[in-house]
Amino acid sequence: MNQETETHVEQDLLEVRWHGRGGQGVKTAAMLFAETAIEEGKHGQGSPEYGPERMGAPTKGYTRISSRPILSHSSITEPDIVIVLDPTLLENPDVTEGIPNDGILIVNTNKSPAEIRKEIRLGRGKVFTVNGTQIALDTLGKAIPNTVMLGALIRISNVFDLATMEKNIVKKFTKKYNERIADMNVRAIRRAYEEVQSE
């Protein structure tokens, strides 16, 4: 990961906006990232944007991480990082709206960052891609890329270590599901962390 990206995310408040479709786990991913930051002693906030909650409908989620208490609870209009769980949503200009020139876009796709950049308008922002759906199919047996994309976000944001997320996943998913499901999700996150591509 280059120095410019690391410098970008080492600010006091990191704002992440998630774009996906109903059923892809946008809310879960937004909250898991915030909860894991809290485990490390940071302040975190994760929330969905409620709308027509039907399967396949576009949905948004928001995550804020800071070393200080977070007072804002509004939607994120100028995100530092945007994560797109469904690449068909890139056709909607709302997805990249508000990303600053030094912002970051992470897309779940089998395309390269250069190919994605040709399809969108992002100014000087950085583009990262990872085939989250394929990783999910390989490791989870389902095309649900939400936890997978956490691996890419951890690698790029440098907010906390991969091991911290893995520990949190094991604790939460073992309790909610079982140890096997927890292990599968850890492997998925690890693969995305290793396979995310930059320009």
N, C-alpha and C. Protein backbone atom coordinates (compact mmCIF):
# COMPACT_ATOMS: atom_id res chain seq x y z
N MET A 1 0.86 -1.19 0.00
CA MET A 1 0.00 0.00 0.00
C MET A 1 0.89 1.24 0.00
N ASN A 2 0.61 2.18 -0.84
CA ASN A 2 1.52 3.31 -0.95
C ASN A 2 1.30 4.33 0.15
N GLN A 3 2.29 5.18 0.32
CA GLN A 3 2.28 6.16 1.41
C GLN A 3 1.13 7.14 1.30
N GLU A 4 0.77 7.52 0.08
CA GLU A 4 -0.29 8.51 -0.11
C GLU A 4 -1.62 7.99 0.42
N THR A 5 -1.90 6.72 0.17
CA THR A 5 -3.15 6.13 0.66
C THR A 5 -3.14 6.07 2.17
N GLU A 6 -2.04 5.65 2.76
CA GLU A 6 -1.96 5.55 4.21
C GLU A 6 -2.13 6.93 4.86
N THR A 7 -1.52 7.95 4.29
CA THR A 7 -1.65 9.30 4.83
C THR A 7 -3.10 9.77 4.77
N HIS A 8 -3.77 9.42 3.66
CA HIS A 8 -5.16 9.85 3.49
C HIS A 8 -6.05 9.38 4.62
N VAL A 9 -5.85 8.14 5.09
CA VAL A 9 -6.77 7.58 6.07
C VAL A 9 -6.31 7.79 7.52
N GLU A 10 -5.18 8.45 7.71
CA GLU A 10 -4.71 8.68 9.06
C GLU A 10 -5.22 10.01 9.62
N GLN A 11 -6.41 10.39 9.24
CA GLN A 11 -7.00 11.60 9.77
C GLN A 11 -7.84 11.24 10.99
N ASP A 12 -8.35 12.26 11.69
CA ASP A 12 -9.05 11.98 12.94
C ASP A 12 -10.42 11.36 12.71
N LEU A 13 -11.09 11.73 11.64
CA LEU A 13 -12.42 11.18 11.35
C LEU A 13 -12.40 10.51 9.99
N LEU A 14 -12.71 9.23 9.96
CA LEU A 14 -12.81 8.49 8.71
C LEU A 14 -14.28 8.20 8.45
N GLU A 15 -14.76 8.59 7.27
CA GLU A 15 -16.16 8.36 6.91
C GLU A 15 -16.24 7.44 5.70
N VAL A 16 -16.97 6.35 5.88
CA VAL A 16 -17.11 5.33 4.83
C VAL A 16 -18.58 5.21 4.45
N ARG A 17 -18.84 5.22 3.15
CA ARG A 17 -20.21 5.01 2.67
C ARG A 17 -20.25 3.71 1.88
N TRP A 18 -21.23 2.89 2.21
CA TRP A 18 -21.40 1.58 1.58
C TRP A 18 -22.59 1.64 0.62
N HIS A 19 -22.42 1.03 -0.56
CA HIS A 19 -23.51 0.92 -1.52
C HIS A 19 -23.69 -0.55 -1.89
N GLY A 20 -24.90 -1.04 -1.78
CA GLY A 20 -25.19 -2.42 -2.15
C GLY A 20 -26.65 -2.57 -2.49
N ARG A 21 -27.11 -3.79 -2.45
CA ARG A 21 -28.52 -4.08 -2.69
C ARG A 21 -29.07 -4.88 -1.52
N GLY A 22 -30.38 -4.79 -1.33
CA GLY A 22 -31.02 -5.51 -0.26
C GLY A 22 -30.66 -6.98 -0.31
N GLY A 23 -30.18 -7.52 0.82
CA GLY A 23 -29.78 -8.91 0.87
C GLY A 23 -28.28 -9.12 0.79
N GLN A 24 -27.51 -8.05 0.49
CA GLN A 24 -26.06 -8.19 0.39
C GLN A 24 -25.34 -7.89 1.71
N GLY A 25 -26.07 -7.47 2.72
CA GLY A 25 -25.46 -7.28 4.03
C GLY A 25 -24.75 -5.97 4.26
N VAL A 26 -25.25 -4.90 3.63
CA VAL A 26 -24.64 -3.58 3.80
C VAL A 26 -24.64 -3.16 5.26
N LYS A 27 -25.78 -3.32 5.92
CA LYS A 27 -25.90 -2.93 7.33
C LYS A 27 -24.91 -3.69 8.19
N THR A 28 -24.82 -4.99 8.00
CA THR A 28 -23.92 -5.83 8.80
C THR A 28 -22.47 -5.39 8.64
N ALA A 29 -22.04 -5.15 7.40
CA ALA A 29 -20.65 -4.75 7.16
C ALA A 29 -20.35 -3.39 7.78
N ALA A 30 -21.25 -2.43 7.60
CA ALA A 30 -21.05 -1.08 8.15
C ALA A 30 -20.91 -1.12 9.67
N MET A 31 -21.72 -1.96 10.30
CA MET A 31 -21.70 -2.04 11.76
C MET A 31 -20.50 -2.85 12.27
N LEU A 32 -20.14 -3.91 11.57
CA LEU A 32 -19.01 -4.73 12.00
C LEU A 32 -17.71 -3.94 12.00
N PHE A 33 -17.51 -3.11 10.97
CA PHE A 33 -16.29 -2.31 10.91
C PHE A 33 -16.25 -1.33 12.08
N ALA A 34 -17.37 -0.70 12.38
CA ALA A 34 -17.44 0.24 13.50
C ALA A 34 -17.23 -0.47 14.83
N GLU A 35 -17.87 -1.61 15.01
CA GLU A 35 -17.75 -2.36 16.26
C GLU A 35 -16.32 -2.83 16.51
N THR A 36 -15.63 -3.20 15.44
CA THR A 36 -14.25 -3.65 15.60
C THR A 36 -13.34 -2.49 15.98
N ALA A 37 -13.59 -1.32 15.43
CA ALA A 37 -12.82 -0.14 15.82
C ALA A 37 -13.04 0.18 17.30
N ILE A 38 -14.28 0.03 17.75
CA ILE A 38 -14.59 0.26 19.17
C ILE A 38 -13.83 -0.71 20.06
N GLU A 39 -13.70 -1.96 19.61
CA GLU A 39 -12.94 -2.97 20.36
C GLU A 39 -11.49 -2.51 20.58
N GLU A 40 -10.99 -1.70 19.67
CA GLU A 40 -9.61 -1.21 19.77
C GLU A 40 -9.51 0.11 20.53
N GLY A 41 -10.63 0.56 21.08
CA GLY A 41 -10.60 1.78 21.87
C GLY A 41 -10.92 3.05 21.11
N LYS A 42 -11.28 2.90 19.83
CA LYS A 42 -11.68 4.07 19.05
C LYS A 42 -13.18 4.30 19.22
N HIS A 43 -13.64 5.40 18.68
CA HIS A 43 -15.08 5.67 18.62
C HIS A 43 -15.56 5.24 17.24
N GLY A 44 -16.67 4.55 17.20
CA GLY A 44 -17.18 4.06 15.93
C GLY A 44 -18.69 4.16 15.86
N GLN A 45 -19.17 4.30 14.65
CA GLN A 45 -20.61 4.42 14.41
C GLN A 45 -20.93 3.75 13.07
N GLY A 46 -21.85 2.81 13.10
CA GLY A 46 -22.25 2.14 11.88
C GLY A 46 -23.77 2.12 11.79
N SER A 47 -24.30 2.45 10.61
CA SER A 47 -25.75 2.51 10.48
C SER A 47 -26.17 2.33 9.03
N PRO A 48 -27.38 1.84 8.82
CA PRO A 48 -27.92 1.76 7.45
C PRO A 48 -28.74 3.00 7.15
N GLU A 49 -28.97 3.24 5.88
CA GLU A 49 -29.93 4.27 5.50
C GLU A 49 -31.22 3.55 5.14
N TYR A 50 -32.21 3.75 5.96
CA TYR A 50 -33.45 3.01 5.74
C TYR A 50 -34.25 3.59 4.59
N GLY A 51 -34.78 2.73 3.78
CA GLY A 51 -35.59 3.10 2.63
C GLY A 51 -36.48 1.92 2.31
N PRO A 52 -36.80 1.72 1.06
CA PRO A 52 -37.59 0.55 0.69
C PRO A 52 -36.75 -0.71 0.87
N GLU A 53 -36.98 -1.43 1.96
CA GLU A 53 -36.15 -2.59 2.31
C GLU A 53 -36.60 -3.85 1.58
N ARG A 54 -36.48 -3.85 0.28
CA ARG A 54 -36.84 -5.05 -0.46
C ARG A 54 -35.59 -5.67 -1.07
N MET A 55 -35.63 -6.98 -1.24
CA MET A 55 -34.51 -7.70 -1.80
C MET A 55 -34.13 -7.14 -3.17
N GLY A 56 -32.86 -6.82 -3.34
CA GLY A 56 -32.37 -6.32 -4.62
C GLY A 56 -32.43 -4.82 -4.80
N ALA A 57 -33.13 -4.12 -3.91
CA ALA A 57 -33.22 -2.66 -4.03
C ALA A 57 -31.91 -2.02 -3.56
N PRO A 58 -31.49 -0.90 -4.17
CA PRO A 58 -30.27 -0.22 -3.72
C PRO A 58 -30.37 0.19 -2.26
N THR A 59 -29.30 -0.05 -1.52
CA THR A 59 -29.24 0.33 -0.11
C THR A 59 -27.91 1.01 0.18
N LYS A 60 -27.88 1.77 1.27
CA LYS A 60 -26.65 2.44 1.69
C LYS A 60 -26.39 2.14 3.16
N GLY A 61 -25.13 2.20 3.52
CA GLY A 61 -24.73 2.09 4.92
C GLY A 61 -23.64 3.10 5.18
N TYR A 62 -23.47 3.46 6.45
CA TYR A 62 -22.47 4.47 6.81
C TYR A 62 -21.65 4.00 7.99
N THR A 63 -20.35 4.29 7.94
CA THR A 63 -19.45 3.99 9.05
C THR A 63 -18.59 5.22 9.33
N ARG A 64 -18.54 5.59 10.58
CA ARG A 64 -17.64 6.66 11.01
C ARG A 64 -16.72 6.11 12.08
N ILE A 65 -15.41 6.43 11.96
CA ILE A 65 -14.40 6.02 12.93
C ILE A 65 -13.60 7.25 13.34
N SER A 66 -13.39 7.41 14.64
CA SER A 66 -12.63 8.57 15.11
C SER A 66 -11.97 8.26 16.45
N SER A 67 -10.95 9.04 16.78
CA SER A 67 -10.33 8.93 18.10
C SER A 67 -11.11 9.75 19.13
N ARG A 68 -12.05 10.54 18.65
CA ARG A 68 -12.87 11.39 19.53
C ARG A 68 -14.33 10.99 19.44
N PRO A 69 -15.14 11.40 20.39
CA PRO A 69 -16.58 11.10 20.30
C PRO A 69 -17.17 11.63 18.99
N ILE A 70 -18.05 10.86 18.39
CA ILE A 70 -18.68 11.23 17.12
C ILE A 70 -20.05 11.82 17.41
N LEU A 71 -20.23 13.07 17.06
CA LEU A 71 -21.47 13.78 17.37
C LEU A 71 -22.47 13.74 16.22
N SER A 72 -21.98 13.59 15.01
CA SER A 72 -22.87 13.60 13.86
C SER A 72 -23.50 12.22 13.65
N HIS A 73 -24.79 12.21 13.35
CA HIS A 73 -25.50 10.95 13.06
C HIS A 73 -26.23 11.05 11.72
N SER A 74 -25.82 12.00 10.90
CA SER A 74 -26.47 12.19 9.60
C SER A 74 -25.87 11.25 8.57
N SER A 75 -26.45 11.25 7.37
CA SER A 75 -25.88 10.46 6.29
C SER A 75 -24.54 11.08 5.88
N ILE A 76 -23.70 10.28 5.23
CA ILE A 76 -22.37 10.74 4.82
C ILE A 76 -22.43 11.20 3.37
N THR A 77 -22.21 12.47 3.15
CA THR A 77 -22.30 13.04 1.80
C THR A 77 -20.94 13.26 1.15
N GLU A 78 -19.88 13.34 1.95
CA GLU A 78 -18.53 13.52 1.41
C GLU A 78 -17.62 12.45 2.01
N PRO A 79 -17.79 11.19 1.57
CA PRO A 79 -17.06 10.07 2.16
C PRO A 79 -15.58 10.05 1.79
N ASP A 80 -14.77 9.60 2.72
CA ASP A 80 -13.36 9.37 2.43
C ASP A 80 -13.20 8.12 1.58
N ILE A 81 -14.05 7.13 1.88
CA ILE A 81 -14.02 5.85 1.18
C ILE A 81 -15.44 5.45 0.82
N VAL A 82 -15.61 4.98 -0.41
CA VAL A 82 -16.89 4.41 -0.83
C VAL A 82 -16.65 2.95 -1.20
N ILE A 83 -17.50 2.06 -0.69
CA ILE A 83 -17.40 0.64 -1.00
C ILE A 83 -18.65 0.24 -1.76
N VAL A 84 -18.46 -0.38 -2.91
CA VAL A 84 -19.58 -0.78 -3.76
C VAL A 84 -19.65 -2.31 -3.79
N LEU A 85 -20.72 -2.86 -3.22
CA LEU A 85 -20.87 -4.32 -3.18
C LEU A 85 -21.42 -4.88 -4.48
N ASP A 86 -22.14 -4.07 -5.24
CA ASP A 86 -22.72 -4.51 -6.50
C ASP A 86 -22.27 -3.56 -7.60
N PRO A 87 -21.41 -4.02 -8.52
CA PRO A 87 -20.84 -3.12 -9.53
C PRO A 87 -21.87 -2.53 -10.48
N THR A 88 -23.07 -3.12 -10.59
CA THR A 88 -24.09 -2.52 -11.47
C THR A 88 -24.54 -1.17 -10.92
N LEU A 89 -24.30 -0.92 -9.64
CA LEU A 89 -24.68 0.35 -9.04
C LEU A 89 -23.80 1.50 -9.52
N LEU A 90 -22.66 1.20 -10.14
CA LEU A 90 -21.79 2.26 -10.65
C LEU A 90 -22.45 3.06 -11.75
N GLU A 91 -23.50 2.51 -12.33
CA GLU A 91 -24.25 3.24 -13.35
C GLU A 91 -25.01 4.42 -12.76
N ASN A 92 -25.19 4.40 -11.44
CA ASN A 92 -25.89 5.48 -10.74
C ASN A 92 -24.88 6.51 -10.25
N PRO A 93 -24.95 7.76 -10.70
CA PRO A 93 -23.98 8.77 -10.28
C PRO A 93 -24.00 9.04 -8.78
N ASP A 94 -25.07 8.63 -8.11
CA ASP A 94 -25.19 8.81 -6.66
C ASP A 94 -24.09 8.07 -5.92
N VAL A 95 -23.56 6.99 -6.51
CA VAL A 95 -22.56 6.16 -5.84
C VAL A 95 -21.25 6.92 -5.63
N THR A 96 -20.80 7.65 -6.64
CA THR A 96 -19.53 8.37 -6.51
C THR A 96 -19.71 9.83 -6.10
N GLU A 97 -20.93 10.24 -5.87
CA GLU A 97 -21.20 11.62 -5.50
C GLU A 97 -20.52 11.97 -4.18
N GLY A 98 -19.85 13.11 -4.17
CA GLY A 98 -19.26 13.61 -2.94
C GLY A 98 -17.87 13.08 -2.62
N ILE A 99 -17.36 12.15 -3.41
CA ILE A 99 -16.01 11.64 -3.14
C ILE A 99 -15.00 12.74 -3.47
N PRO A 100 -14.14 13.12 -2.53
CA PRO A 100 -13.17 14.18 -2.80
C PRO A 100 -12.08 13.70 -3.75
N ASN A 101 -11.26 14.61 -4.22
CA ASN A 101 -10.19 14.27 -5.17
C ASN A 101 -9.20 13.27 -4.60
N ASP A 102 -9.07 13.24 -3.26
CA ASP A 102 -8.15 12.27 -2.66
C ASP A 102 -8.92 11.10 -2.05
N GLY A 103 -10.18 10.93 -2.47
CA GLY A 103 -11.01 9.87 -1.94
C GLY A 103 -10.65 8.50 -2.52
N ILE A 104 -11.32 7.48 -1.99
CA ILE A 104 -11.03 6.10 -2.37
C ILE A 104 -12.33 5.39 -2.73
N LEU A 105 -12.29 4.64 -3.82
CA LEU A 105 -13.42 3.82 -4.24
C LEU A 105 -12.97 2.36 -4.27
N ILE A 106 -13.71 1.51 -3.56
CA ILE A 106 -13.43 0.07 -3.54
C ILE A 106 -14.63 -0.65 -4.14
N VAL A 107 -14.39 -1.41 -5.20
CA VAL A 107 -15.50 -2.04 -5.92
C VAL A 107 -15.36 -3.56 -5.91
N ASN A 108 -16.45 -4.24 -5.63
CA ASN A 108 -16.53 -5.68 -5.76
C ASN A 108 -16.77 -6.01 -7.23
N THR A 109 -15.72 -6.46 -7.90
CA THR A 109 -15.81 -6.73 -9.34
C THR A 109 -14.66 -7.63 -9.78
N ASN A 110 -14.83 -8.28 -10.93
CA ASN A 110 -13.72 -9.04 -11.49
C ASN A 110 -12.89 -8.19 -12.44
N LYS A 111 -13.24 -6.91 -12.57
CA LYS A 111 -12.49 -6.00 -13.43
C LYS A 111 -11.32 -5.38 -12.67
N SER A 112 -10.38 -4.85 -13.42
CA SER A 112 -9.23 -4.18 -12.82
C SER A 112 -9.60 -2.76 -12.41
N PRO A 113 -8.83 -2.15 -11.52
CA PRO A 113 -9.08 -0.74 -11.18
C PRO A 113 -9.07 0.17 -12.40
N ALA A 114 -8.16 -0.09 -13.35
CA ALA A 114 -8.09 0.75 -14.56
C ALA A 114 -9.37 0.64 -15.39
N GLU A 115 -9.93 -0.56 -15.47
CA GLU A 115 -11.17 -0.74 -16.22
C GLU A 115 -12.33 0.00 -15.55
N ILE A 116 -12.38 -0.06 -14.22
CA ILE A 116 -13.45 0.64 -13.49
C ILE A 116 -13.31 2.14 -13.66
N ARG A 117 -12.08 2.64 -13.62
CA ARG A 117 -11.87 4.08 -13.76
C ARG A 117 -12.41 4.60 -15.10
N LYS A 118 -12.30 3.80 -16.13
CA LYS A 118 -12.79 4.21 -17.45
C LYS A 118 -14.31 4.33 -17.46
N GLU A 119 -14.98 3.65 -16.54
CA GLU A 119 -16.44 3.62 -16.53
C GLU A 119 -17.07 4.73 -15.69
N ILE A 120 -16.27 5.38 -14.85
CA ILE A 120 -16.82 6.35 -13.90
C ILE A 120 -16.07 7.67 -13.96
N ARG A 121 -16.61 8.65 -13.26
CA ARG A 121 -15.93 9.93 -13.09
C ARG A 121 -15.51 10.05 -11.63
N LEU A 122 -14.21 10.08 -11.40
CA LEU A 122 -13.74 10.10 -10.01
C LEU A 122 -12.66 11.14 -9.75
N GLY A 123 -12.38 12.00 -10.68
CA GLY A 123 -11.32 12.98 -10.46
C GLY A 123 -10.00 12.27 -10.22
N ARG A 124 -9.30 12.67 -9.19
CA ARG A 124 -8.00 12.06 -8.89
C ARG A 124 -8.13 10.97 -7.84
N GLY A 125 -9.32 10.60 -7.46
CA GLY A 125 -9.51 9.58 -6.44
C GLY A 125 -8.88 8.25 -6.84
N LYS A 126 -8.60 7.42 -5.85
CA LYS A 126 -7.97 6.13 -6.08
C LYS A 126 -9.04 5.05 -6.22
N VAL A 127 -8.80 4.09 -7.10
CA VAL A 127 -9.73 2.99 -7.33
C VAL A 127 -9.06 1.67 -6.95
N PHE A 128 -9.79 0.87 -6.18
CA PHE A 128 -9.35 -0.46 -5.79
C PHE A 128 -10.44 -1.45 -6.15
N THR A 129 -10.05 -2.65 -6.55
CA THR A 129 -11.04 -3.68 -6.86
C THR A 129 -10.66 -4.99 -6.21
N VAL A 130 -11.67 -5.81 -5.95
CA VAL A 130 -11.48 -7.17 -5.46
C VAL A 130 -12.71 -7.97 -5.88
N ASN A 131 -12.51 -9.21 -6.28
CA ASN A 131 -13.63 -10.04 -6.72
C ASN A 131 -14.30 -10.66 -5.50
N GLY A 132 -15.01 -9.81 -4.76
CA GLY A 132 -15.64 -10.24 -3.52
C GLY A 132 -16.68 -11.32 -3.69
N THR A 133 -17.44 -11.27 -4.78
CA THR A 133 -18.47 -12.27 -5.01
C THR A 133 -17.85 -13.64 -5.23
N GLN A 134 -16.77 -13.71 -6.00
CA GLN A 134 -16.12 -15.00 -6.24
C GLN A 134 -15.50 -15.54 -4.95
N ILE A 135 -14.89 -14.65 -4.18
CA ILE A 135 -14.31 -15.07 -2.89
C ILE A 135 -15.41 -15.60 -1.99
N ALA A 136 -16.55 -14.93 -1.97
CA ALA A 136 -17.68 -15.38 -1.14
C ALA A 136 -18.17 -16.75 -1.59
N LEU A 137 -18.27 -16.95 -2.89
CA LEU A 137 -18.70 -18.26 -3.40
C LEU A 137 -17.70 -19.35 -3.03
N ASP A 138 -16.41 -19.03 -3.14
CA ASP A 138 -15.37 -20.01 -2.86
C ASP A 138 -15.30 -20.38 -1.37
N THR A 139 -15.48 -19.40 -0.51
CA THR A 139 -15.26 -19.63 0.92
C THR A 139 -16.54 -19.82 1.72
N LEU A 140 -17.62 -19.17 1.29
CA LEU A 140 -18.88 -19.22 2.05
C LEU A 140 -19.94 -20.06 1.35
N GLY A 141 -19.76 -20.27 0.05
CA GLY A 141 -20.76 -21.02 -0.71
C GLY A 141 -21.96 -20.19 -1.09
N LYS A 142 -21.90 -18.88 -0.84
CA LYS A 142 -23.00 -17.97 -1.16
C LYS A 142 -22.42 -16.67 -1.72
N ALA A 143 -23.16 -16.06 -2.63
CA ALA A 143 -22.70 -14.81 -3.27
C ALA A 143 -23.08 -13.60 -2.42
N ILE A 144 -22.64 -13.60 -1.16
CA ILE A 144 -22.89 -12.48 -0.25
C ILE A 144 -21.54 -11.87 0.11
N PRO A 145 -21.20 -10.72 -0.49
CA PRO A 145 -19.83 -10.20 -0.39
C PRO A 145 -19.56 -9.24 0.78
N ASN A 146 -20.51 -9.07 1.70
CA ASN A 146 -20.33 -8.01 2.70
C ASN A 146 -19.11 -8.21 3.60
N THR A 147 -18.99 -9.37 4.25
CA THR A 147 -17.83 -9.56 5.12
C THR A 147 -16.55 -9.65 4.32
N VAL A 148 -16.64 -10.18 3.11
CA VAL A 148 -15.46 -10.26 2.23
C VAL A 148 -14.86 -8.87 2.03
N MET A 149 -15.70 -7.90 1.73
CA MET A 149 -15.24 -6.55 1.43
C MET A 149 -14.58 -5.88 2.63
N LEU A 150 -14.88 -6.37 3.83
CA LEU A 150 -14.21 -5.84 5.02
C LEU A 150 -12.70 -6.06 4.93
N GLY A 151 -12.29 -7.17 4.34
CA GLY A 151 -10.86 -7.44 4.21
C GLY A 151 -10.17 -6.39 3.36
N ALA A 152 -10.81 -6.01 2.25
CA ALA A 152 -10.24 -4.97 1.40
C ALA A 152 -10.19 -3.63 2.13
N LEU A 153 -11.27 -3.33 2.85
CA LEU A 153 -11.32 -2.05 3.57
C LEU A 153 -10.25 -1.98 4.65
N ILE A 154 -10.02 -3.08 5.35
CA ILE A 154 -8.98 -3.10 6.39
C ILE A 154 -7.61 -2.84 5.78
N ARG A 155 -7.34 -3.48 4.66
CA ARG A 155 -6.04 -3.32 3.99
C ARG A 155 -5.81 -1.87 3.56
N ILE A 156 -6.85 -1.24 3.03
CA ILE A 156 -6.71 0.09 2.46
C ILE A 156 -6.78 1.19 3.52
N SER A 157 -7.66 1.02 4.50
CA SER A 157 -7.87 2.10 5.48
C SER A 157 -6.81 2.15 6.56
N ASN A 158 -6.23 0.99 6.90
CA ASN A 158 -5.20 0.95 7.94
C ASN A 158 -5.72 1.46 9.29
N VAL A 159 -7.02 1.27 9.55
CA VAL A 159 -7.61 1.72 10.81
C VAL A 159 -7.26 0.79 11.96
N PHE A 160 -7.24 -0.51 11.68
CA PHE A 160 -6.84 -1.51 12.68
C PHE A 160 -6.30 -2.73 11.94
N ASP A 161 -5.70 -3.64 12.69
CA ASP A 161 -5.08 -4.81 12.09
C ASP A 161 -6.11 -5.84 11.64
N LEU A 162 -5.74 -6.63 10.65
CA LEU A 162 -6.58 -7.72 10.18
C LEU A 162 -6.91 -8.68 11.33
N ALA A 163 -5.94 -8.91 12.18
CA ALA A 163 -6.14 -9.84 13.31
C ALA A 163 -7.25 -9.37 14.23
N THR A 164 -7.40 -8.06 14.37
CA THR A 164 -8.46 -7.53 15.23
C THR A 164 -9.83 -7.87 14.68
N MET A 165 -10.00 -7.72 13.36
CA MET A 165 -11.27 -8.07 12.74
C MET A 165 -11.52 -9.58 12.82
N GLU A 166 -10.49 -10.36 12.58
CA GLU A 166 -10.64 -11.81 12.64
C GLU A 166 -11.10 -12.24 14.03
N LYS A 167 -10.51 -11.66 15.06
CA LYS A 167 -10.89 -11.98 16.43
C LYS A 167 -12.34 -11.61 16.70
N ASN A 168 -12.77 -10.45 16.20
CA ASN A 168 -14.14 -9.99 16.40
C ASN A 168 -15.14 -10.88 15.65
N ILE A 169 -14.77 -11.28 14.43
CA ILE A 169 -15.62 -12.16 13.64
C ILE A 169 -15.80 -13.51 14.35
N VAL A 170 -14.71 -14.06 14.84
CA VAL A 170 -14.78 -15.34 15.54
C VAL A 170 -15.70 -15.24 16.75
N LYS A 171 -15.56 -14.17 17.52
CA LYS A 171 -16.38 -14.00 18.72
C LYS A 171 -17.86 -13.85 18.37
N LYS A 172 -18.17 -12.95 17.44
CA LYS A 172 -19.56 -12.65 17.12
C LYS A 172 -20.25 -13.77 16.33
N PHE A 173 -19.54 -14.30 15.32
CA PHE A 173 -20.17 -15.29 14.44
C PHE A 173 -20.27 -16.66 15.11
N THR A 174 -19.31 -16.99 15.99
CA THR A 174 -19.41 -18.26 16.72
C THR A 174 -20.63 -18.23 17.63
N LYS A 175 -20.85 -17.09 18.26
CA LYS A 175 -21.99 -16.94 19.16
C LYS A 175 -23.31 -16.93 18.40
N LYS A 176 -23.35 -16.22 17.26
CA LYS A 176 -24.58 -16.08 16.50
C LYS A 176 -24.88 -17.31 15.64
N TYR A 177 -23.82 -17.90 15.05
CA TYR A 177 -23.99 -19.04 14.14
C TYR A 177 -23.29 -20.27 14.74
N ASN A 178 -22.05 -20.47 14.31
CA ASN A 178 -21.23 -21.55 14.87
C ASN A 178 -19.78 -21.32 14.48
N GLU A 179 -18.90 -22.15 15.00
CA GLU A 179 -17.46 -21.95 14.77
C GLU A 179 -17.09 -22.12 13.30
N ARG A 180 -17.76 -23.03 12.60
CA ARG A 180 -17.48 -23.26 11.18
C ARG A 180 -17.79 -22.02 10.34
N ILE A 181 -18.95 -21.40 10.58
CA ILE A 181 -19.33 -20.19 9.85
C ILE A 181 -18.34 -19.07 10.14
N ALA A 182 -17.93 -18.96 11.39
CA ALA A 182 -16.96 -17.93 11.78
C ALA A 182 -15.65 -18.12 11.02
N ASP A 183 -15.18 -19.37 10.96
CA ASP A 183 -13.91 -19.66 10.28
C ASP A 183 -14.01 -19.37 8.79
N MET A 184 -15.14 -19.70 8.18
CA MET A 184 -15.33 -19.42 6.75
C MET A 184 -15.25 -17.93 6.46
N ASN A 185 -15.86 -17.12 7.32
CA ASN A 185 -15.84 -15.67 7.14
C ASN A 185 -14.44 -15.10 7.36
N VAL A 186 -13.71 -15.65 8.30
CA VAL A 186 -12.33 -15.21 8.53
C VAL A 186 -11.49 -15.48 7.28
N ARG A 187 -11.66 -16.66 6.68
CA ARG A 187 -10.91 -16.99 5.47
C ARG A 187 -11.29 -16.08 4.31
N ALA A 188 -12.57 -15.72 4.23
CA ALA A 188 -13.03 -14.82 3.17
C ALA A 188 -12.41 -13.43 3.32
N ILE A 189 -12.42 -12.93 4.52
CA ILE A 189 -11.85 -11.61 4.79
C ILE A 189 -10.35 -11.59 4.49
N ARG A 190 -9.68 -12.67 4.89
CA ARG A 190 -8.24 -12.76 4.67
C ARG A 190 -7.91 -12.77 3.17
N ARG A 191 -8.70 -13.48 2.39
CA ARG A 191 -8.45 -13.52 0.94
C ARG A 191 -8.63 -12.15 0.30
N ALA A 192 -9.68 -11.44 0.70
CA ALA A 192 -9.90 -10.11 0.13
C ALA A 192 -8.77 -9.16 0.53
N TYR A 193 -8.30 -9.29 1.75
CA TYR A 193 -7.18 -8.47 2.24
C TYR A 193 -5.95 -8.70 1.35
N GLU A 194 -5.72 -9.95 0.96
CA GLU A 194 -4.55 -10.30 0.18
C GLU A 194 -4.72 -10.01 -1.32
N GLU A 195 -5.97 -10.08 -1.82
CA GLU A 195 -6.20 -10.02 -3.25
C GLU A 195 -6.67 -8.66 -3.78
N VAL A 196 -6.96 -7.69 -2.90
CA VAL A 196 -7.42 -6.39 -3.38
C VAL A 196 -6.36 -5.76 -4.29
N GLN A 197 -6.82 -5.19 -5.39
CA GLN A 197 -5.91 -4.61 -6.39
C GLN A 197 -5.99 -3.09 -6.40
N SER A 198 -4.86 -2.46 -6.63
CA SER A 198 -4.82 -1.00 -6.80
C SER A 198 -4.27 -0.69 -8.18
N GLU A 199 -4.45 0.54 -8.60
CA GLU A 199 -3.98 0.97 -9.93
C GLU A 199 -2.46 1.01 -9.97
